[in-house]
Amino acid sequence: MAARGKNRQFPTAYKLKAIKRVERGEGVLPVARELGISRKIVHDWIKAWKAHGPEGLNRKPGPKPGARKLKPLATYDDKRSALTRANARIAELERLVGRQQMDIDFFRKALRALERPAAQGKPASASSKSSKP
């Protein structure tokens, strides 16, 4: 094992022993504490092991050379169940109803404001004063 520090490097066999302990049922946190490393490092080792085998445990961090492999975009149906899509649609329609209700309330108040002066016997606006003979 390398000296303690920010850029410690561990032999592949050391990493494999930690991975096997977790696979046998030991918790990640107790294994990490015993080895004096963070849980994230153990999780990273497990992820690299599953993705690339033993070679994955010795890869350098950072971007890899070559063209980036982009994951294909998942379609809407792939990501969401029918219930989730229905809930999203309901929320969208509720927002639309709310906006429409706000519009109705606005126009209702405007109509009352226009009707109020007429009911009191006053002209509704300045333009009606000038139109009288």
N, C-alpha and C. Protein backbone atom coordinates (compact mmCIF):
# COMPACT_ATOMS: atom_id res chain seq x y z
N MET A 1 0.85 -1.18 0.00
CA MET A 1 0.00 0.00 0.00
C MET A 1 0.89 1.23 0.00
N ALA A 2 0.50 2.23 -0.74
CA ALA A 2 1.27 3.46 -0.83
C ALA A 2 1.09 4.28 0.44
N ALA A 3 1.94 5.29 0.58
CA ALA A 3 1.86 6.16 1.76
C ALA A 3 0.55 6.93 1.76
N ARG A 4 0.09 7.29 2.96
CA ARG A 4 -1.13 8.06 3.05
C ARG A 4 -0.95 9.41 2.37
N GLY A 5 -1.96 9.83 1.66
CA GLY A 5 -1.91 11.11 0.98
C GLY A 5 -3.06 11.21 0.01
N LYS A 6 -3.05 12.28 -0.72
CA LYS A 6 -4.16 12.56 -1.62
C LYS A 6 -4.18 11.59 -2.81
N ASN A 7 -3.01 11.25 -3.33
CA ASN A 7 -2.93 10.42 -4.53
C ASN A 7 -2.41 9.02 -4.22
N ARG A 8 -2.98 8.36 -3.25
CA ARG A 8 -2.54 7.01 -2.91
C ARG A 8 -2.91 6.06 -4.03
N GLN A 9 -2.06 5.09 -4.25
CA GLN A 9 -2.34 4.05 -5.23
C GLN A 9 -2.28 2.71 -4.53
N PHE A 10 -3.20 1.83 -4.89
CA PHE A 10 -3.28 0.53 -4.26
C PHE A 10 -3.06 -0.55 -5.30
N PRO A 11 -2.41 -1.64 -4.93
CA PRO A 11 -2.23 -2.75 -5.88
C PRO A 11 -3.58 -3.37 -6.24
N THR A 12 -3.63 -3.98 -7.41
CA THR A 12 -4.87 -4.60 -7.88
C THR A 12 -5.33 -5.68 -6.91
N ALA A 13 -4.40 -6.48 -6.39
CA ALA A 13 -4.77 -7.55 -5.46
C ALA A 13 -5.43 -6.98 -4.21
N TYR A 14 -4.96 -5.87 -3.73
CA TYR A 14 -5.51 -5.20 -2.55
C TYR A 14 -6.96 -4.78 -2.82
N LYS A 15 -7.17 -4.20 -4.00
CA LYS A 15 -8.52 -3.76 -4.38
C LYS A 15 -9.45 -4.96 -4.52
N LEU A 16 -8.94 -6.03 -5.13
CA LEU A 16 -9.76 -7.23 -5.31
C LEU A 16 -10.19 -7.83 -3.97
N LYS A 17 -9.29 -7.84 -2.99
CA LYS A 17 -9.63 -8.35 -1.67
C LYS A 17 -10.77 -7.55 -1.05
N ALA A 18 -10.71 -6.22 -1.19
CA ALA A 18 -11.77 -5.37 -0.65
C ALA A 18 -13.10 -5.64 -1.38
N ILE A 19 -13.03 -5.78 -2.69
CA ILE A 19 -14.24 -6.04 -3.47
C ILE A 19 -14.85 -7.38 -3.07
N LYS A 20 -14.01 -8.41 -2.93
CA LYS A 20 -14.51 -9.74 -2.56
C LYS A 20 -15.15 -9.73 -1.17
N ARG A 21 -14.58 -8.96 -0.26
CA ARG A 21 -15.17 -8.87 1.08
C ARG A 21 -16.58 -8.29 1.01
N VAL A 22 -16.74 -7.25 0.18
CA VAL A 22 -18.07 -6.63 0.03
C VAL A 22 -19.02 -7.61 -0.64
N GLU A 23 -18.53 -8.33 -1.64
CA GLU A 23 -19.38 -9.30 -2.34
C GLU A 23 -19.80 -10.45 -1.44
N ARG A 24 -18.98 -10.79 -0.43
CA ARG A 24 -19.33 -11.85 0.52
C ARG A 24 -20.37 -11.39 1.52
N GLY A 25 -20.67 -10.09 1.54
CA GLY A 25 -21.72 -9.62 2.42
C GLY A 25 -21.28 -8.61 3.47
N GLU A 26 -19.99 -8.34 3.56
CA GLU A 26 -19.55 -7.31 4.49
C GLU A 26 -20.02 -5.95 3.97
N GLY A 27 -20.31 -5.06 4.84
CA GLY A 27 -20.76 -3.73 4.42
C GLY A 27 -19.62 -2.92 3.84
N VAL A 28 -19.95 -2.03 2.94
CA VAL A 28 -18.95 -1.18 2.32
C VAL A 28 -18.29 -0.27 3.36
N LEU A 29 -19.09 0.29 4.24
CA LEU A 29 -18.54 1.21 5.23
C LEU A 29 -17.54 0.55 6.17
N PRO A 30 -17.86 -0.62 6.77
CA PRO A 30 -16.86 -1.26 7.63
C PRO A 30 -15.57 -1.62 6.89
N VAL A 31 -15.69 -2.10 5.66
CA VAL A 31 -14.50 -2.44 4.88
C VAL A 31 -13.68 -1.18 4.63
N ALA A 32 -14.34 -0.11 4.22
CA ALA A 32 -13.64 1.14 3.93
C ALA A 32 -12.96 1.68 5.18
N ARG A 33 -13.65 1.63 6.31
CA ARG A 33 -13.05 2.14 7.56
C ARG A 33 -11.82 1.33 7.94
N GLU A 34 -11.91 0.02 7.81
CA GLU A 34 -10.78 -0.83 8.16
C GLU A 34 -9.57 -0.56 7.27
N LEU A 35 -9.84 -0.27 5.99
CA LEU A 35 -8.74 0.00 5.06
C LEU A 35 -8.26 1.45 5.13
N GLY A 36 -9.01 2.30 5.82
CA GLY A 36 -8.63 3.70 5.94
C GLY A 36 -8.90 4.51 4.68
N ILE A 37 -9.96 4.12 3.98
CA ILE A 37 -10.33 4.84 2.76
C ILE A 37 -11.80 5.21 2.83
N SER A 38 -12.26 6.00 1.86
CA SER A 38 -13.66 6.41 1.87
C SER A 38 -14.54 5.34 1.21
N ARG A 39 -15.83 5.40 1.54
CA ARG A 39 -16.79 4.49 0.92
C ARG A 39 -16.81 4.67 -0.59
N LYS A 40 -16.66 5.92 -1.02
CA LYS A 40 -16.71 6.22 -2.46
C LYS A 40 -15.62 5.46 -3.21
N ILE A 41 -14.44 5.39 -2.63
CA ILE A 41 -13.35 4.68 -3.30
C ILE A 41 -13.72 3.21 -3.47
N VAL A 42 -14.27 2.59 -2.43
CA VAL A 42 -14.67 1.18 -2.53
C VAL A 42 -15.76 1.02 -3.59
N HIS A 43 -16.73 1.93 -3.59
CA HIS A 43 -17.79 1.87 -4.60
C HIS A 43 -17.20 2.04 -6.00
N ASP A 44 -16.25 2.95 -6.15
CA ASP A 44 -15.60 3.16 -7.46
C ASP A 44 -14.87 1.90 -7.91
N TRP A 45 -14.19 1.23 -6.98
CA TRP A 45 -13.50 -0.01 -7.32
C TRP A 45 -14.49 -1.07 -7.78
N ILE A 46 -15.60 -1.19 -7.08
CA ILE A 46 -16.62 -2.19 -7.44
C ILE A 46 -17.19 -1.87 -8.82
N LYS A 47 -17.46 -0.61 -9.06
CA LYS A 47 -18.02 -0.20 -10.36
C LYS A 47 -17.03 -0.48 -11.48
N ALA A 48 -15.75 -0.15 -11.26
CA ALA A 48 -14.72 -0.40 -12.27
C ALA A 48 -14.55 -1.90 -12.52
N TRP A 49 -14.61 -2.69 -11.46
CA TRP A 49 -14.47 -4.14 -11.57
C TRP A 49 -15.61 -4.72 -12.40
N LYS A 50 -16.83 -4.27 -12.13
CA LYS A 50 -17.99 -4.78 -12.87
C LYS A 50 -17.97 -4.34 -14.33
N ALA A 51 -17.46 -3.14 -14.59
CA ALA A 51 -17.47 -2.61 -15.95
C ALA A 51 -16.33 -3.14 -16.80
N HIS A 52 -15.12 -3.26 -16.21
CA HIS A 52 -13.94 -3.56 -17.03
C HIS A 52 -13.11 -4.73 -16.51
N GLY A 53 -13.53 -5.37 -15.46
CA GLY A 53 -12.74 -6.47 -14.92
C GLY A 53 -11.48 -5.97 -14.24
N PRO A 54 -10.45 -6.81 -14.13
CA PRO A 54 -9.22 -6.42 -13.43
C PRO A 54 -8.53 -5.20 -14.06
N GLU A 55 -8.66 -5.04 -15.37
CA GLU A 55 -8.04 -3.88 -16.03
C GLU A 55 -8.67 -2.57 -15.56
N GLY A 56 -9.92 -2.62 -15.20
CA GLY A 56 -10.61 -1.43 -14.74
C GLY A 56 -10.09 -0.91 -13.41
N LEU A 57 -9.46 -1.78 -12.64
CA LEU A 57 -8.95 -1.38 -11.33
C LEU A 57 -7.64 -0.59 -11.43
N ASN A 58 -6.98 -0.62 -12.58
CA ASN A 58 -5.71 0.09 -12.74
C ASN A 58 -5.79 1.27 -13.68
N ARG A 59 -6.98 1.65 -14.05
CA ARG A 59 -7.14 2.78 -14.97
C ARG A 59 -6.86 4.08 -14.25
N LYS A 60 -6.28 5.00 -14.98
CA LYS A 60 -6.01 6.31 -14.40
C LYS A 60 -7.31 7.12 -14.39
N PRO A 61 -7.49 7.99 -13.37
CA PRO A 61 -8.71 8.82 -13.35
C PRO A 61 -8.66 9.88 -14.42
N GLY A 62 -9.80 10.40 -14.74
CA GLY A 62 -9.87 11.49 -15.71
C GLY A 62 -10.38 11.00 -17.05
N PRO A 63 -10.46 11.92 -18.01
CA PRO A 63 -10.98 11.57 -19.33
C PRO A 63 -10.06 10.58 -20.04
N LYS A 64 -10.64 9.66 -20.75
CA LYS A 64 -9.89 8.66 -21.49
C LYS A 64 -9.66 9.14 -22.91
N PRO A 65 -8.57 8.73 -23.53
CA PRO A 65 -8.31 9.17 -24.91
C PRO A 65 -9.33 8.57 -25.88
N GLY A 66 -9.48 9.22 -27.01
CA GLY A 66 -10.39 8.72 -28.02
C GLY A 66 -11.72 9.46 -27.99
N ALA A 67 -12.55 9.10 -28.94
CA ALA A 67 -13.85 9.74 -29.05
C ALA A 67 -14.73 9.33 -27.87
N ARG A 68 -15.51 10.26 -27.42
CA ARG A 68 -16.42 9.97 -26.32
C ARG A 68 -17.58 9.13 -26.82
N LYS A 69 -17.97 8.19 -26.01
CA LYS A 69 -19.12 7.36 -26.34
C LYS A 69 -20.32 7.94 -25.62
N LEU A 70 -21.26 8.44 -26.38
CA LEU A 70 -22.46 9.01 -25.79
C LEU A 70 -23.52 7.94 -25.67
N LYS A 71 -24.21 7.97 -24.57
CA LYS A 71 -25.31 7.04 -24.38
C LYS A 71 -26.47 7.47 -25.26
N PRO A 72 -27.17 6.54 -25.86
CA PRO A 72 -28.34 6.94 -26.66
C PRO A 72 -29.40 7.53 -25.76
N LEU A 73 -30.10 8.52 -26.30
CA LEU A 73 -31.16 9.15 -25.52
C LEU A 73 -32.30 8.18 -25.32
N ALA A 74 -32.72 8.08 -24.10
CA ALA A 74 -33.85 7.21 -23.80
C ALA A 74 -35.13 7.93 -24.20
N THR A 75 -36.05 7.19 -24.73
CA THR A 75 -37.31 7.80 -25.12
C THR A 75 -38.16 8.03 -23.88
N TYR A 76 -39.16 8.84 -24.03
CA TYR A 76 -40.05 9.19 -22.93
C TYR A 76 -40.68 7.92 -22.35
N ASP A 77 -41.08 7.01 -23.21
CA ASP A 77 -41.75 5.80 -22.75
C ASP A 77 -40.80 4.86 -22.03
N ASP A 78 -39.51 4.88 -22.40
CA ASP A 78 -38.56 4.00 -21.74
C ASP A 78 -38.34 4.40 -20.30
N LYS A 79 -38.38 5.68 -20.03
CA LYS A 79 -38.03 6.18 -18.70
C LYS A 79 -39.19 6.15 -17.72
N ARG A 80 -40.37 6.33 -18.19
CA ARG A 80 -41.49 6.53 -17.26
C ARG A 80 -42.55 5.47 -17.43
N SER A 81 -43.13 5.11 -16.36
CA SER A 81 -44.24 4.17 -16.40
C SER A 81 -45.51 4.92 -16.79
N ALA A 82 -46.53 4.18 -17.05
CA ALA A 82 -47.80 4.80 -17.44
C ALA A 82 -48.33 5.68 -16.31
N LEU A 83 -48.16 5.25 -15.08
CA LEU A 83 -48.64 6.04 -13.94
C LEU A 83 -47.89 7.35 -13.83
N THR A 84 -46.58 7.32 -14.03
CA THR A 84 -45.78 8.55 -13.95
C THR A 84 -46.18 9.51 -15.06
N ARG A 85 -46.38 8.99 -16.26
CA ARG A 85 -46.81 9.85 -17.38
C ARG A 85 -48.17 10.47 -17.08
N ALA A 86 -49.08 9.67 -16.52
CA ALA A 86 -50.41 10.18 -16.20
C ALA A 86 -50.33 11.27 -15.14
N ASN A 87 -49.50 11.07 -14.12
CA ASN A 87 -49.34 12.09 -13.08
C ASN A 87 -48.75 13.37 -13.64
N ALA A 88 -47.81 13.25 -14.56
CA ALA A 88 -47.22 14.44 -15.17
C ALA A 88 -48.27 15.19 -15.99
N ARG A 89 -49.10 14.46 -16.71
CA ARG A 89 -50.16 15.07 -17.51
C ARG A 89 -51.18 15.76 -16.62
N ILE A 90 -51.53 15.13 -15.50
CA ILE A 90 -52.47 15.72 -14.55
C ILE A 90 -51.92 17.04 -14.01
N ALA A 91 -50.64 17.03 -13.64
CA ALA A 91 -50.02 18.25 -13.11
C ALA A 91 -50.02 19.36 -14.17
N GLU A 92 -49.75 18.99 -15.42
CA GLU A 92 -49.76 19.97 -16.51
C GLU A 92 -51.15 20.57 -16.69
N LEU A 93 -52.17 19.73 -16.67
CA LEU A 93 -53.54 20.21 -16.84
C LEU A 93 -53.98 21.05 -15.65
N GLU A 94 -53.55 20.69 -14.44
CA GLU A 94 -53.89 21.50 -13.27
C GLU A 94 -53.28 22.90 -13.37
N ARG A 95 -52.05 22.97 -13.88
CA ARG A 95 -51.43 24.30 -14.07
C ARG A 95 -52.21 25.11 -15.10
N LEU A 96 -52.65 24.46 -16.17
CA LEU A 96 -53.42 25.14 -17.20
C LEU A 96 -54.75 25.65 -16.64
N VAL A 97 -55.43 24.83 -15.86
CA VAL A 97 -56.70 25.25 -15.25
C VAL A 97 -56.45 26.43 -14.30
N GLY A 98 -55.36 26.38 -13.56
CA GLY A 98 -55.03 27.48 -12.65
C GLY A 98 -54.82 28.78 -13.39
N ARG A 99 -54.09 28.72 -14.52
CA ARG A 99 -53.88 29.93 -15.32
C ARG A 99 -55.21 30.46 -15.87
N GLN A 100 -56.05 29.55 -16.34
CA GLN A 100 -57.35 29.98 -16.87
C GLN A 100 -58.21 30.59 -15.77
N GLN A 101 -58.16 30.06 -14.58
CA GLN A 101 -58.92 30.61 -13.47
C GLN A 101 -58.44 32.02 -13.14
N MET A 102 -57.12 32.22 -13.20
CA MET A 102 -56.57 33.56 -12.95
C MET A 102 -57.07 34.55 -14.01
N ASP A 103 -57.12 34.11 -15.26
CA ASP A 103 -57.64 34.97 -16.33
C ASP A 103 -59.11 35.31 -16.09
N ILE A 104 -59.89 34.32 -15.74
CA ILE A 104 -61.32 34.54 -15.48
C ILE A 104 -61.50 35.53 -14.34
N ASP A 105 -60.74 35.35 -13.25
CA ASP A 105 -60.83 36.27 -12.11
C ASP A 105 -60.47 37.69 -12.52
N PHE A 106 -59.43 37.83 -13.34
CA PHE A 106 -59.01 39.16 -13.79
C PHE A 106 -60.12 39.84 -14.59
N PHE A 107 -60.68 39.12 -15.56
CA PHE A 107 -61.71 39.72 -16.40
C PHE A 107 -62.99 39.97 -15.62
N ARG A 108 -63.29 39.13 -14.64
CA ARG A 108 -64.47 39.33 -13.81
C ARG A 108 -64.33 40.64 -13.02
N LYS A 109 -63.14 40.88 -12.45
CA LYS A 109 -62.89 42.13 -11.71
C LYS A 109 -62.95 43.34 -12.64
N ALA A 110 -62.40 43.19 -13.84
CA ALA A 110 -62.42 44.30 -14.79
C ALA A 110 -63.86 44.62 -15.20
N LEU A 111 -64.67 43.61 -15.41
CA LEU A 111 -66.07 43.82 -15.78
C LEU A 111 -66.82 44.50 -14.64
N ARG A 112 -66.57 44.08 -13.40
CA ARG A 112 -67.22 44.74 -12.26
C ARG A 112 -66.81 46.19 -12.15
N ALA A 113 -65.54 46.49 -12.42
CA ALA A 113 -65.06 47.86 -12.36
C ALA A 113 -65.74 48.71 -13.42
N LEU A 114 -66.01 48.15 -14.58
CA LEU A 114 -66.69 48.89 -15.63
C LEU A 114 -68.19 49.05 -15.32
N GLU A 115 -68.79 48.05 -14.71
CA GLU A 115 -70.22 48.10 -14.41
C GLU A 115 -70.52 49.00 -13.21
N ARG A 116 -69.62 49.12 -12.28
CA ARG A 116 -69.85 49.87 -11.05
C ARG A 116 -70.18 51.35 -11.33
N PRO A 117 -69.43 52.09 -12.10
CA PRO A 117 -69.79 53.50 -12.35
C PRO A 117 -71.13 53.64 -13.06
N ALA A 118 -71.46 52.73 -13.95
CA ALA A 118 -72.74 52.81 -14.67
C ALA A 118 -73.90 52.59 -13.71
N ALA A 119 -73.72 51.69 -12.76
CA ALA A 119 -74.78 51.41 -11.78
C ALA A 119 -74.99 52.59 -10.85
N GLN A 120 -73.98 53.40 -10.62
CA GLN A 120 -74.09 54.56 -9.73
C GLN A 120 -74.57 55.80 -10.48
N GLY A 121 -74.83 55.67 -11.76
CA GLY A 121 -75.33 56.79 -12.54
C GLY A 121 -74.23 57.69 -13.05
N LYS A 122 -73.01 57.27 -12.92
CA LYS A 122 -71.89 58.06 -13.42
C LYS A 122 -71.47 57.50 -14.77
N PRO A 123 -70.87 58.32 -15.60
CA PRO A 123 -70.37 57.80 -16.87
C PRO A 123 -69.21 56.83 -16.63
N ALA A 124 -69.11 55.86 -17.51
CA ALA A 124 -68.11 54.81 -17.34
C ALA A 124 -66.71 55.30 -17.62
N SER A 125 -66.56 56.26 -18.55
CA SER A 125 -65.21 56.72 -18.87
C SER A 125 -65.25 58.16 -19.36
N ALA A 126 -64.10 58.76 -19.55
CA ALA A 126 -63.99 60.14 -20.02
C ALA A 126 -64.49 60.28 -21.45
N SER A 127 -64.35 59.24 -22.23
CA SER A 127 -64.79 59.32 -23.64
C SER A 127 -66.32 59.45 -23.71
N SER A 128 -67.06 58.90 -22.75
CA SER A 128 -68.51 59.02 -22.79
C SER A 128 -68.95 60.45 -22.44
N LYS A 129 -68.15 61.18 -21.63
CA LYS A 129 -68.49 62.58 -21.31
C LYS A 129 -68.41 63.45 -22.55
N SER A 130 -67.39 63.25 -23.36
CA SER A 130 -67.21 64.10 -24.52
C SER A 130 -68.22 63.78 -25.62
N SER A 131 -68.84 62.60 -25.57
CA SER A 131 -69.77 62.24 -26.61
C SER A 131 -71.18 62.79 -26.34
N LYS A 132 -71.43 63.37 -25.14
CA LYS A 132 -72.75 63.93 -24.85
C LYS A 132 -72.90 65.25 -25.59
N PRO A 133 -74.14 65.58 -26.11
CA PRO A 133 -74.38 66.83 -26.83
C PRO A 133 -74.52 68.03 -25.95
